[in-house]
Amino acid sequence: MHWIDPACLQETRGTVTQFLLNPRGELDGFILGTDKQVHFPPHLSRQVAKHVKVGGKVKVRGVKPRAADVVAAVQVTSGTGAVILDEGPHQHGEKHEKPYVDKRPVEMTGEVRLSLYGPKGELRGALLTDGTSIRMPAHAAEVLSSYLEPGAHVQVWGHGVKNKYGRTIEVDDIAQLVDAEDLPETTA
């Protein structure tokens, strides 16, 4: 999005309550307040990690897709005034190298707090109430959208990465759980 002038974009302000990681362990977003997702490309991960902290205030100028409640950031300004501008993945002649990450097999159960979206508004996963993000390709998320809605209880199997910024699971399999009170009573 390096071709967009951020000065002409709507500004969103808030306090960062959590970072979001992609399946390689790079920052690719954060949550403002309780439920506003901000997405940024992973080539900005290092700059964001350096200047933005959980609990810190930020101003975000970005694009809001029609179909989803997410802001695709073009510019992030930290509470200290540091400006992080998306000038594309090849800014300053450097190529963004995807890091190697040691992913571990993970199985977990949780409740969906928030659906997570990609920069164009495509459903890409969910944020669980314990702060873990679960990620999957957009075509899979579209088919499994009811599993990724707030309030859904899910069990996921996949490969996860955890670092000081958070935890994410790249989903291989997912099941929606039914609460015990929703099951019909049985008699012996």
N, C-alpha and C. Protein backbone atom coordinates (compact mmCIF):
# COMPACT_ATOMS: atom_id res chain seq x y z
N MET A 1 0.81 -1.20 0.00
CA MET A 1 0.00 0.00 0.00
C MET A 1 0.85 1.26 0.00
N HIS A 2 2.07 1.15 -0.39
CA HIS A 2 2.98 2.28 -0.36
C HIS A 2 2.56 3.42 -1.26
N TRP A 3 1.65 3.21 -2.18
CA TRP A 3 1.24 4.25 -3.11
C TRP A 3 0.14 5.14 -2.54
N ILE A 4 -0.43 4.79 -1.40
CA ILE A 4 -1.52 5.56 -0.80
C ILE A 4 -0.95 6.62 0.14
N ASP A 5 -1.45 7.84 0.00
CA ASP A 5 -1.05 8.92 0.89
C ASP A 5 -1.81 8.77 2.21
N PRO A 6 -1.13 8.46 3.32
CA PRO A 6 -1.85 8.23 4.57
C PRO A 6 -2.59 9.46 5.09
N ALA A 7 -2.17 10.66 4.69
CA ALA A 7 -2.83 11.87 5.17
C ALA A 7 -4.29 11.95 4.73
N CYS A 8 -4.64 11.25 3.64
CA CYS A 8 -6.02 11.31 3.16
C CYS A 8 -6.90 10.21 3.77
N LEU A 9 -6.33 9.38 4.62
CA LEU A 9 -7.07 8.26 5.20
C LEU A 9 -7.62 8.58 6.58
N GLN A 10 -8.72 7.92 6.92
CA GLN A 10 -9.32 8.08 8.23
C GLN A 10 -8.34 7.63 9.32
N GLU A 11 -8.38 8.32 10.44
CA GLU A 11 -7.50 7.98 11.55
C GLU A 11 -8.29 7.25 12.64
N THR A 12 -7.72 6.17 13.12
CA THR A 12 -8.28 5.41 14.23
C THR A 12 -7.29 5.51 15.38
N ARG A 13 -7.81 5.79 16.59
CA ARG A 13 -6.95 5.92 17.76
C ARG A 13 -7.35 4.90 18.80
N GLY A 14 -6.39 4.50 19.60
CA GLY A 14 -6.72 3.59 20.68
C GLY A 14 -5.50 3.12 21.42
N THR A 15 -5.75 2.23 22.37
CA THR A 15 -4.70 1.62 23.17
C THR A 15 -4.52 0.19 22.72
N VAL A 16 -3.27 -0.19 22.48
CA VAL A 16 -2.95 -1.55 22.05
C VAL A 16 -3.12 -2.49 23.25
N THR A 17 -3.99 -3.48 23.10
CA THR A 17 -4.20 -4.44 24.19
C THR A 17 -3.55 -5.79 23.91
N GLN A 18 -3.23 -6.06 22.64
CA GLN A 18 -2.61 -7.33 22.29
C GLN A 18 -2.02 -7.26 20.90
N PHE A 19 -0.90 -7.96 20.71
CA PHE A 19 -0.34 -8.13 19.37
C PHE A 19 -0.90 -9.39 18.74
N LEU A 20 -0.89 -9.44 17.42
CA LEU A 20 -1.28 -10.63 16.66
C LEU A 20 -0.07 -11.10 15.87
N LEU A 21 0.11 -12.41 15.82
CA LEU A 21 1.24 -13.00 15.10
C LEU A 21 0.74 -13.77 13.89
N ASN A 22 1.56 -13.78 12.84
CA ASN A 22 1.26 -14.67 11.72
C ASN A 22 1.86 -16.05 12.05
N PRO A 23 1.63 -17.06 11.24
CA PRO A 23 2.15 -18.40 11.55
C PRO A 23 3.68 -18.52 11.56
N ARG A 24 4.41 -17.50 11.13
CA ARG A 24 5.87 -17.50 11.20
C ARG A 24 6.38 -16.77 12.44
N GLY A 25 5.45 -16.32 13.29
CA GLY A 25 5.83 -15.64 14.52
C GLY A 25 6.11 -14.16 14.37
N GLU A 26 5.84 -13.60 13.19
CA GLU A 26 6.03 -12.17 12.98
C GLU A 26 4.77 -11.42 13.39
N LEU A 27 4.94 -10.20 13.89
CA LEU A 27 3.77 -9.36 14.15
C LEU A 27 3.12 -9.02 12.83
N ASP A 28 1.79 -9.14 12.79
CA ASP A 28 1.06 -8.70 11.59
C ASP A 28 -0.23 -7.99 11.97
N GLY A 29 -0.30 -7.55 13.22
CA GLY A 29 -1.47 -6.80 13.65
C GLY A 29 -1.49 -6.63 15.15
N PHE A 30 -2.51 -5.88 15.59
CA PHE A 30 -2.76 -5.75 17.02
C PHE A 30 -4.23 -5.45 17.22
N ILE A 31 -4.64 -5.55 18.47
CA ILE A 31 -6.02 -5.26 18.85
C ILE A 31 -6.00 -3.94 19.60
N LEU A 32 -6.91 -3.06 19.23
CA LEU A 32 -7.11 -1.80 19.96
C LEU A 32 -8.32 -1.99 20.86
N GLY A 33 -8.19 -1.63 22.12
CA GLY A 33 -9.30 -1.80 23.05
C GLY A 33 -9.67 -3.26 23.17
N THR A 34 -10.97 -3.53 23.08
CA THR A 34 -11.41 -4.92 23.23
C THR A 34 -11.65 -5.62 21.92
N ASP A 35 -11.87 -4.85 20.82
CA ASP A 35 -12.31 -5.58 19.63
C ASP A 35 -11.99 -4.96 18.27
N LYS A 36 -11.09 -4.00 18.20
CA LYS A 36 -10.76 -3.39 16.91
C LYS A 36 -9.45 -3.99 16.41
N GLN A 37 -9.53 -4.76 15.30
CA GLN A 37 -8.34 -5.36 14.72
C GLN A 37 -7.67 -4.39 13.76
N VAL A 38 -6.36 -4.25 13.91
CA VAL A 38 -5.54 -3.49 12.98
C VAL A 38 -4.57 -4.50 12.35
N HIS A 39 -4.55 -4.53 11.03
CA HIS A 39 -3.65 -5.43 10.31
C HIS A 39 -2.56 -4.59 9.65
N PHE A 40 -1.34 -5.10 9.68
CA PHE A 40 -0.26 -4.48 8.92
C PHE A 40 0.59 -5.60 8.34
N PRO A 41 1.32 -5.34 7.27
CA PRO A 41 2.12 -6.39 6.65
C PRO A 41 3.30 -6.79 7.54
N PRO A 42 3.71 -8.06 7.48
CA PRO A 42 4.78 -8.53 8.35
C PRO A 42 6.13 -7.85 8.12
N HIS A 43 6.33 -7.21 6.97
CA HIS A 43 7.61 -6.51 6.79
C HIS A 43 7.73 -5.30 7.72
N LEU A 44 6.63 -4.91 8.37
CA LEU A 44 6.69 -3.83 9.36
C LEU A 44 6.86 -4.35 10.79
N SER A 45 6.95 -5.67 10.94
CA SER A 45 6.99 -6.30 12.26
C SER A 45 8.07 -5.73 13.17
N ARG A 46 9.28 -5.61 12.67
CA ARG A 46 10.38 -5.13 13.52
C ARG A 46 10.17 -3.69 13.96
N GLN A 47 9.72 -2.85 13.03
CA GLN A 47 9.49 -1.44 13.37
C GLN A 47 8.38 -1.32 14.41
N VAL A 48 7.30 -2.07 14.22
CA VAL A 48 6.19 -2.01 15.17
C VAL A 48 6.67 -2.51 16.54
N ALA A 49 7.39 -3.62 16.58
CA ALA A 49 7.89 -4.17 17.84
C ALA A 49 8.79 -3.16 18.57
N LYS A 50 9.54 -2.40 17.81
CA LYS A 50 10.47 -1.43 18.39
C LYS A 50 9.74 -0.22 19.00
N HIS A 51 8.65 0.22 18.35
CA HIS A 51 8.03 1.49 18.74
C HIS A 51 6.67 1.38 19.41
N VAL A 52 6.01 0.23 19.30
CA VAL A 52 4.66 0.10 19.84
C VAL A 52 4.68 -0.95 20.94
N LYS A 53 4.04 -0.66 22.04
CA LYS A 53 4.00 -1.58 23.18
C LYS A 53 2.54 -1.84 23.58
N VAL A 54 2.30 -3.02 24.14
CA VAL A 54 0.99 -3.30 24.72
C VAL A 54 0.77 -2.30 25.85
N GLY A 55 -0.40 -1.68 25.85
CA GLY A 55 -0.71 -0.63 26.82
C GLY A 55 -0.43 0.76 26.29
N GLY A 56 0.26 0.84 25.14
CA GLY A 56 0.58 2.13 24.54
C GLY A 56 -0.51 2.63 23.62
N LYS A 57 -0.59 3.92 23.51
CA LYS A 57 -1.56 4.54 22.60
C LYS A 57 -0.96 4.65 21.21
N VAL A 58 -1.82 4.49 20.20
CA VAL A 58 -1.39 4.62 18.81
C VAL A 58 -2.44 5.36 18.01
N LYS A 59 -1.99 5.90 16.89
CA LYS A 59 -2.88 6.45 15.87
C LYS A 59 -2.60 5.65 14.60
N VAL A 60 -3.65 5.21 13.95
CA VAL A 60 -3.53 4.38 12.75
C VAL A 60 -4.27 5.05 11.61
N ARG A 61 -3.60 5.21 10.50
CA ARG A 61 -4.26 5.66 9.27
C ARG A 61 -4.27 4.46 8.34
N GLY A 62 -5.47 4.10 7.88
CA GLY A 62 -5.55 2.91 7.04
C GLY A 62 -6.84 2.81 6.28
N VAL A 63 -6.99 1.68 5.64
CA VAL A 63 -8.14 1.39 4.78
C VAL A 63 -9.03 0.40 5.51
N LYS A 64 -10.33 0.64 5.50
CA LYS A 64 -11.28 -0.29 6.10
C LYS A 64 -12.04 -0.99 4.98
N PRO A 65 -11.87 -2.31 4.87
CA PRO A 65 -12.63 -3.05 3.85
C PRO A 65 -14.13 -2.99 4.15
N ARG A 66 -14.94 -3.12 3.12
CA ARG A 66 -16.40 -3.08 3.29
C ARG A 66 -16.93 -4.22 4.14
N ALA A 67 -16.38 -5.41 3.95
CA ALA A 67 -16.98 -6.62 4.51
C ALA A 67 -16.52 -6.98 5.91
N ALA A 68 -15.58 -6.26 6.50
CA ALA A 68 -15.03 -6.69 7.78
C ALA A 68 -14.66 -5.52 8.67
N ASP A 69 -14.67 -5.77 9.97
CA ASP A 69 -14.28 -4.74 10.93
C ASP A 69 -12.79 -4.86 11.23
N VAL A 70 -11.99 -4.40 10.29
CA VAL A 70 -10.55 -4.41 10.41
C VAL A 70 -10.02 -3.16 9.70
N VAL A 71 -8.91 -2.64 10.19
CA VAL A 71 -8.25 -1.53 9.52
C VAL A 71 -6.92 -2.06 8.99
N ALA A 72 -6.71 -1.94 7.69
CA ALA A 72 -5.44 -2.31 7.07
C ALA A 72 -4.55 -1.07 7.13
N ALA A 73 -3.58 -1.09 8.03
CA ALA A 73 -2.77 0.09 8.32
C ALA A 73 -1.83 0.44 7.17
N VAL A 74 -1.78 1.72 6.86
CA VAL A 74 -0.80 2.28 5.95
C VAL A 74 0.25 3.04 6.76
N GLN A 75 -0.20 3.60 7.89
CA GLN A 75 0.71 4.33 8.78
C GLN A 75 0.28 4.12 10.22
N VAL A 76 1.25 3.84 11.09
CA VAL A 76 1.01 3.71 12.52
C VAL A 76 1.91 4.74 13.20
N THR A 77 1.33 5.51 14.10
CA THR A 77 2.10 6.47 14.88
C THR A 77 2.01 6.07 16.34
N SER A 78 3.16 5.83 16.95
CA SER A 78 3.19 5.40 18.35
C SER A 78 2.87 6.57 19.26
N GLY A 79 2.63 6.26 20.52
CA GLY A 79 2.36 7.30 21.51
C GLY A 79 3.54 8.23 21.72
N THR A 80 4.74 7.79 21.36
CA THR A 80 5.93 8.64 21.49
C THR A 80 6.19 9.45 20.22
N GLY A 81 5.35 9.27 19.20
CA GLY A 81 5.49 10.04 17.97
C GLY A 81 6.25 9.35 16.86
N ALA A 82 6.71 8.12 17.07
CA ALA A 82 7.41 7.40 16.00
C ALA A 82 6.41 7.03 14.91
N VAL A 83 6.75 7.36 13.66
CA VAL A 83 5.87 7.09 12.53
C VAL A 83 6.40 5.88 11.78
N ILE A 84 5.52 4.90 11.61
CA ILE A 84 5.84 3.68 10.88
C ILE A 84 4.98 3.70 9.62
N LEU A 85 5.61 3.86 8.48
CA LEU A 85 4.90 4.02 7.22
C LEU A 85 5.14 2.80 6.34
N ASP A 86 4.07 2.24 5.81
CA ASP A 86 4.20 1.10 4.89
C ASP A 86 4.60 1.64 3.53
N GLU A 87 5.85 1.40 3.19
CA GLU A 87 6.35 1.80 1.88
C GLU A 87 6.56 0.60 0.98
N GLY A 88 5.95 -0.52 1.33
CA GLY A 88 6.08 -1.73 0.54
C GLY A 88 7.14 -2.65 1.10
N PRO A 89 7.13 -3.91 0.70
CA PRO A 89 8.07 -4.88 1.26
C PRO A 89 9.51 -4.68 0.83
N HIS A 90 9.76 -3.89 -0.18
CA HIS A 90 11.12 -3.68 -0.66
C HIS A 90 11.60 -2.27 -0.36
N GLN A 91 11.12 -1.70 0.75
CA GLN A 91 11.53 -0.34 1.09
C GLN A 91 13.02 -0.27 1.35
N HIS A 92 13.63 0.78 0.98
CA HIS A 92 15.06 1.04 1.15
C HIS A 92 15.92 -0.04 0.49
N GLY A 93 15.38 -0.70 -0.56
CA GLY A 93 16.14 -1.69 -1.30
C GLY A 93 16.32 -3.02 -0.60
N GLU A 94 15.72 -3.19 0.58
CA GLU A 94 15.87 -4.43 1.33
C GLU A 94 14.70 -5.36 1.05
N LYS A 95 14.99 -6.63 0.93
CA LYS A 95 13.94 -7.62 0.74
C LYS A 95 13.56 -8.17 2.11
N HIS A 96 12.25 -8.32 2.33
CA HIS A 96 11.78 -8.89 3.60
C HIS A 96 12.03 -10.39 3.60
N GLU A 97 12.87 -10.84 4.50
CA GLU A 97 13.17 -12.26 4.63
C GLU A 97 12.21 -12.88 5.63
N LYS A 98 11.55 -13.94 5.23
CA LYS A 98 10.65 -14.65 6.14
C LYS A 98 11.50 -15.45 7.11
N PRO A 99 11.27 -15.29 8.40
CA PRO A 99 12.12 -15.98 9.37
C PRO A 99 11.80 -17.48 9.44
N TYR A 100 12.81 -18.25 9.82
CA TYR A 100 12.57 -19.65 10.11
C TYR A 100 12.03 -19.70 11.54
N VAL A 101 11.00 -20.50 11.73
CA VAL A 101 10.43 -20.63 13.07
C VAL A 101 10.20 -22.11 13.35
N ASP A 102 10.49 -22.49 14.57
CA ASP A 102 10.28 -23.86 14.99
C ASP A 102 8.83 -24.00 15.46
N LYS A 103 7.99 -24.56 14.60
CA LYS A 103 6.58 -24.75 14.95
C LYS A 103 6.43 -26.08 15.68
N ARG A 104 5.57 -26.08 16.66
CA ARG A 104 5.34 -27.29 17.45
C ARG A 104 3.90 -27.76 17.29
N PRO A 105 3.69 -29.08 17.28
CA PRO A 105 2.32 -29.58 17.22
C PRO A 105 1.53 -29.11 18.45
N VAL A 106 0.32 -28.66 18.23
CA VAL A 106 -0.51 -28.12 19.31
C VAL A 106 -1.93 -28.64 19.15
N GLU A 107 -2.55 -28.91 20.28
CA GLU A 107 -3.98 -29.20 20.34
C GLU A 107 -4.52 -28.37 21.48
N MET A 108 -5.59 -27.62 21.23
CA MET A 108 -6.17 -26.82 22.31
C MET A 108 -7.66 -26.58 22.09
N THR A 109 -8.32 -26.22 23.16
CA THR A 109 -9.74 -25.92 23.15
C THR A 109 -9.91 -24.49 23.65
N GLY A 110 -10.87 -23.77 23.07
CA GLY A 110 -11.11 -22.42 23.53
C GLY A 110 -12.37 -21.82 22.95
N GLU A 111 -12.69 -20.64 23.45
CA GLU A 111 -13.85 -19.89 22.98
C GLU A 111 -13.38 -18.73 22.10
N VAL A 112 -14.06 -18.55 20.99
CA VAL A 112 -13.72 -17.46 20.07
C VAL A 112 -14.17 -16.14 20.65
N ARG A 113 -13.24 -15.21 20.76
CA ARG A 113 -13.54 -13.85 21.22
C ARG A 113 -13.82 -12.91 20.06
N LEU A 114 -13.07 -13.10 18.96
CA LEU A 114 -13.12 -12.16 17.85
C LEU A 114 -12.71 -12.86 16.56
N SER A 115 -13.43 -12.63 15.48
CA SER A 115 -13.00 -13.13 14.17
C SER A 115 -11.84 -12.27 13.70
N LEU A 116 -10.87 -12.89 13.00
CA LEU A 116 -9.72 -12.16 12.48
C LEU A 116 -9.74 -12.14 10.97
N TYR A 117 -9.33 -11.02 10.40
CA TYR A 117 -9.42 -10.80 8.97
C TYR A 117 -8.07 -10.42 8.37
N GLY A 118 -7.94 -10.65 7.08
CA GLY A 118 -6.78 -10.21 6.32
C GLY A 118 -6.99 -8.77 5.89
N PRO A 119 -6.02 -8.18 5.19
CA PRO A 119 -6.08 -6.76 4.85
C PRO A 119 -7.19 -6.37 3.88
N LYS A 120 -7.72 -7.33 3.13
CA LYS A 120 -8.80 -7.03 2.20
C LYS A 120 -10.15 -7.42 2.76
N GLY A 121 -10.20 -7.76 4.05
CA GLY A 121 -11.46 -8.11 4.71
C GLY A 121 -11.81 -9.58 4.63
N GLU A 122 -10.88 -10.41 4.16
CA GLU A 122 -11.14 -11.84 4.06
C GLU A 122 -10.96 -12.49 5.44
N LEU A 123 -11.91 -13.32 5.84
CA LEU A 123 -11.83 -14.05 7.10
C LEU A 123 -10.60 -14.94 7.07
N ARG A 124 -9.77 -14.87 8.13
CA ARG A 124 -8.52 -15.64 8.15
C ARG A 124 -8.32 -16.41 9.44
N GLY A 125 -9.25 -16.32 10.39
CA GLY A 125 -9.08 -17.05 11.64
C GLY A 125 -9.87 -16.40 12.76
N ALA A 126 -9.37 -16.60 13.98
CA ALA A 126 -10.07 -16.08 15.15
C ALA A 126 -9.09 -15.86 16.29
N LEU A 127 -9.50 -15.00 17.20
CA LEU A 127 -8.77 -14.76 18.43
C LEU A 127 -9.56 -15.43 19.54
N LEU A 128 -8.91 -16.30 20.29
CA LEU A 128 -9.57 -16.99 21.39
C LEU A 128 -9.51 -16.14 22.66
N THR A 129 -10.37 -16.45 23.62
CA THR A 129 -10.44 -15.65 24.84
C THR A 129 -9.15 -15.69 25.65
N ASP A 130 -8.32 -16.72 25.48
CA ASP A 130 -7.04 -16.77 26.21
C ASP A 130 -5.94 -15.98 25.50
N GLY A 131 -6.26 -15.34 24.36
CA GLY A 131 -5.28 -14.53 23.63
C GLY A 131 -4.59 -15.24 22.50
N THR A 132 -4.84 -16.53 22.31
CA THR A 132 -4.25 -17.28 21.21
C THR A 132 -4.98 -16.95 19.92
N SER A 133 -4.23 -16.71 18.85
CA SER A 133 -4.88 -16.54 17.55
C SER A 133 -4.76 -17.85 16.78
N ILE A 134 -5.83 -18.18 16.07
CA ILE A 134 -5.82 -19.36 15.21
C ILE A 134 -5.95 -18.85 13.78
N ARG A 135 -5.11 -19.37 12.90
CA ARG A 135 -5.04 -18.87 11.52
C ARG A 135 -5.22 -20.00 10.53
N MET A 136 -5.84 -19.65 9.40
CA MET A 136 -6.03 -20.61 8.31
C MET A 136 -6.17 -19.84 7.01
N PRO A 137 -6.01 -20.52 5.87
CA PRO A 137 -6.18 -19.85 4.59
C PRO A 137 -7.61 -19.32 4.43
N ALA A 138 -7.76 -18.26 3.67
CA ALA A 138 -9.07 -17.62 3.50
C ALA A 138 -10.12 -18.58 2.95
N HIS A 139 -9.75 -19.46 2.01
CA HIS A 139 -10.76 -20.37 1.45
C HIS A 139 -11.27 -21.35 2.51
N ALA A 140 -10.43 -21.78 3.42
CA ALA A 140 -10.87 -22.67 4.50
C ALA A 140 -11.71 -21.91 5.52
N ALA A 141 -11.28 -20.70 5.86
CA ALA A 141 -12.02 -19.89 6.83
C ALA A 141 -13.43 -19.57 6.33
N GLU A 142 -13.56 -19.32 5.03
CA GLU A 142 -14.88 -19.02 4.47
C GLU A 142 -15.84 -20.19 4.67
N VAL A 143 -15.35 -21.40 4.43
CA VAL A 143 -16.18 -22.60 4.58
C VAL A 143 -16.50 -22.85 6.06
N LEU A 144 -15.58 -22.52 6.94
CA LEU A 144 -15.74 -22.79 8.37
C LEU A 144 -16.12 -21.54 9.16
N SER A 145 -16.75 -20.58 8.54
CA SER A 145 -17.01 -19.29 9.17
C SER A 145 -17.78 -19.40 10.48
N SER A 146 -18.70 -20.34 10.61
CA SER A 146 -19.46 -20.46 11.85
C SER A 146 -18.57 -20.89 13.02
N TYR A 147 -17.45 -21.55 12.73
CA TYR A 147 -16.51 -21.96 13.77
C TYR A 147 -15.71 -20.76 14.29
N LEU A 148 -15.66 -19.70 13.51
CA LEU A 148 -14.80 -18.57 13.81
C LEU A 148 -15.56 -17.35 14.31
N GLU A 149 -16.83 -17.53 14.62
CA GLU A 149 -17.66 -16.43 15.12
C GLU A 149 -17.52 -16.29 16.63
N PRO A 150 -17.57 -15.06 17.15
CA PRO A 150 -17.49 -14.87 18.59
C PRO A 150 -18.52 -15.73 19.32
N GLY A 151 -18.06 -16.36 20.40
CA GLY A 151 -18.91 -17.22 21.21
C GLY A 151 -18.81 -18.70 20.85
N ALA A 152 -18.28 -19.03 19.68
CA ALA A 152 -18.13 -20.43 19.28
C ALA A 152 -17.05 -21.08 20.16
N HIS A 153 -17.29 -22.32 20.51
CA HIS A 153 -16.31 -23.11 21.27
C HIS A 153 -15.68 -24.09 20.30
N VAL A 154 -14.35 -24.06 20.21
CA VAL A 154 -13.66 -24.88 19.21
C VAL A 154 -12.52 -25.67 19.84
N GLN A 155 -12.19 -26.74 19.15
CA GLN A 155 -10.98 -27.49 19.44
C GLN A 155 -10.16 -27.45 18.16
N VAL A 156 -8.89 -27.11 18.29
CA VAL A 156 -8.03 -27.00 17.11
C VAL A 156 -6.80 -27.88 17.26
N TRP A 157 -6.35 -28.38 16.13
CA TRP A 157 -5.12 -29.13 16.02
C TRP A 157 -4.29 -28.45 14.94
N GLY A 158 -3.03 -28.27 15.18
CA GLY A 158 -2.20 -27.61 14.19
C GLY A 158 -0.78 -27.48 14.68
N HIS A 159 -0.11 -26.48 14.15
CA HIS A 159 1.27 -26.20 14.51
C HIS A 159 1.35 -24.77 15.02
N GLY A 160 1.93 -24.61 16.19
CA GLY A 160 1.93 -23.31 16.83
C GLY A 160 3.30 -22.72 17.02
N VAL A 161 3.28 -21.43 17.21
CA VAL A 161 4.48 -20.68 17.53
C VAL A 161 4.11 -19.73 18.67
N LYS A 162 5.06 -19.58 19.59
CA LYS A 162 4.85 -18.71 20.74
C LYS A 162 6.13 -17.92 20.95
N ASN A 163 5.96 -16.62 21.18
CA ASN A 163 7.11 -15.78 21.52
C ASN A 163 6.65 -14.71 22.50
N LYS A 164 7.50 -13.75 22.78
CA LYS A 164 7.16 -12.74 23.79
C LYS A 164 5.99 -11.85 23.39
N TYR A 165 5.61 -11.88 22.11
CA TYR A 165 4.51 -11.04 21.64
C TYR A 165 3.16 -11.76 21.62
N GLY A 166 3.16 -13.09 21.65
CA GLY A 166 1.90 -13.80 21.63
C GLY A 166 2.05 -15.24 21.18
N ARG A 167 0.91 -15.81 20.83
CA ARG A 167 0.87 -17.22 20.42
C ARG A 167 -0.14 -17.35 19.28
N THR A 168 0.24 -18.13 18.28
CA THR A 168 -0.67 -18.38 17.16
C THR A 168 -0.56 -19.84 16.75
N ILE A 169 -1.66 -20.34 16.22
CA ILE A 169 -1.70 -21.72 15.74
C ILE A 169 -2.15 -21.70 14.29
N GLU A 170 -1.37 -22.34 13.45
CA GLU A 170 -1.76 -22.56 12.06
C GLU A 170 -2.60 -23.83 12.07
N VAL A 171 -3.89 -23.70 11.78
CA VAL A 171 -4.86 -24.78 11.97
C VAL A 171 -4.74 -25.83 10.86
N ASP A 172 -4.63 -27.08 11.29
CA ASP A 172 -4.71 -28.22 10.38
C ASP A 172 -6.13 -28.79 10.41
N ASP A 173 -6.70 -28.89 11.61
CA ASP A 173 -8.07 -29.40 11.81
C ASP A 173 -8.74 -28.58 12.89
N ILE A 174 -10.07 -28.47 12.77
CA ILE A 174 -10.84 -27.72 13.76
C ILE A 174 -12.19 -28.40 13.93
N ALA A 175 -12.68 -28.39 15.16
CA ALA A 175 -14.00 -28.94 15.46
C ALA A 175 -14.74 -27.94 16.32
N GLN A 176 -16.02 -27.82 16.11
CA GLN A 176 -16.85 -26.96 16.94
C GLN A 176 -17.39 -27.80 18.07
N LEU A 177 -17.27 -27.32 19.30
CA LEU A 177 -17.71 -28.06 20.47
C LEU A 177 -19.12 -27.65 20.84
N VAL A 178 -19.85 -28.60 21.38
CA VAL A 178 -21.21 -28.35 21.85
C VAL A 178 -21.16 -28.37 23.36
N ASP A 179 -21.74 -27.33 24.00
CA ASP A 179 -21.76 -27.27 25.46
C ASP A 179 -22.61 -28.39 26.01
N ALA A 180 -22.25 -28.87 27.20
CA ALA A 180 -22.96 -29.98 27.82
C ALA A 180 -24.43 -29.64 28.04
N GLU A 181 -24.77 -28.38 28.37
CA GLU A 181 -26.16 -28.02 28.61
C GLU A 181 -26.99 -28.02 27.31
N ASP A 182 -26.33 -28.00 26.17
CA ASP A 182 -27.04 -28.04 24.89
C ASP A 182 -27.36 -29.46 24.45
N LEU A 183 -26.76 -30.46 25.11
CA LEU A 183 -26.99 -31.84 24.73
C LEU A 183 -28.29 -32.35 25.35
N PRO A 184 -29.00 -33.24 24.66
CA PRO A 184 -30.22 -33.78 25.25
C PRO A 184 -29.89 -34.64 26.46
N GLU A 185 -30.79 -34.61 27.45
CA GLU A 185 -30.56 -35.42 28.64
C GLU A 185 -30.77 -36.88 28.32
N THR A 186 -29.94 -37.72 28.93
CA THR A 186 -30.09 -39.16 28.75
C THR A 186 -30.47 -39.78 30.07
N THR A 187 -31.21 -40.84 30.01
CA THR A 187 -31.60 -41.55 31.24
C THR A 187 -31.05 -42.96 31.20
N ALA A 188 -30.76 -43.48 32.37
CA ALA A 188 -30.18 -44.81 32.45
C ALA A 188 -31.26 -45.85 32.64
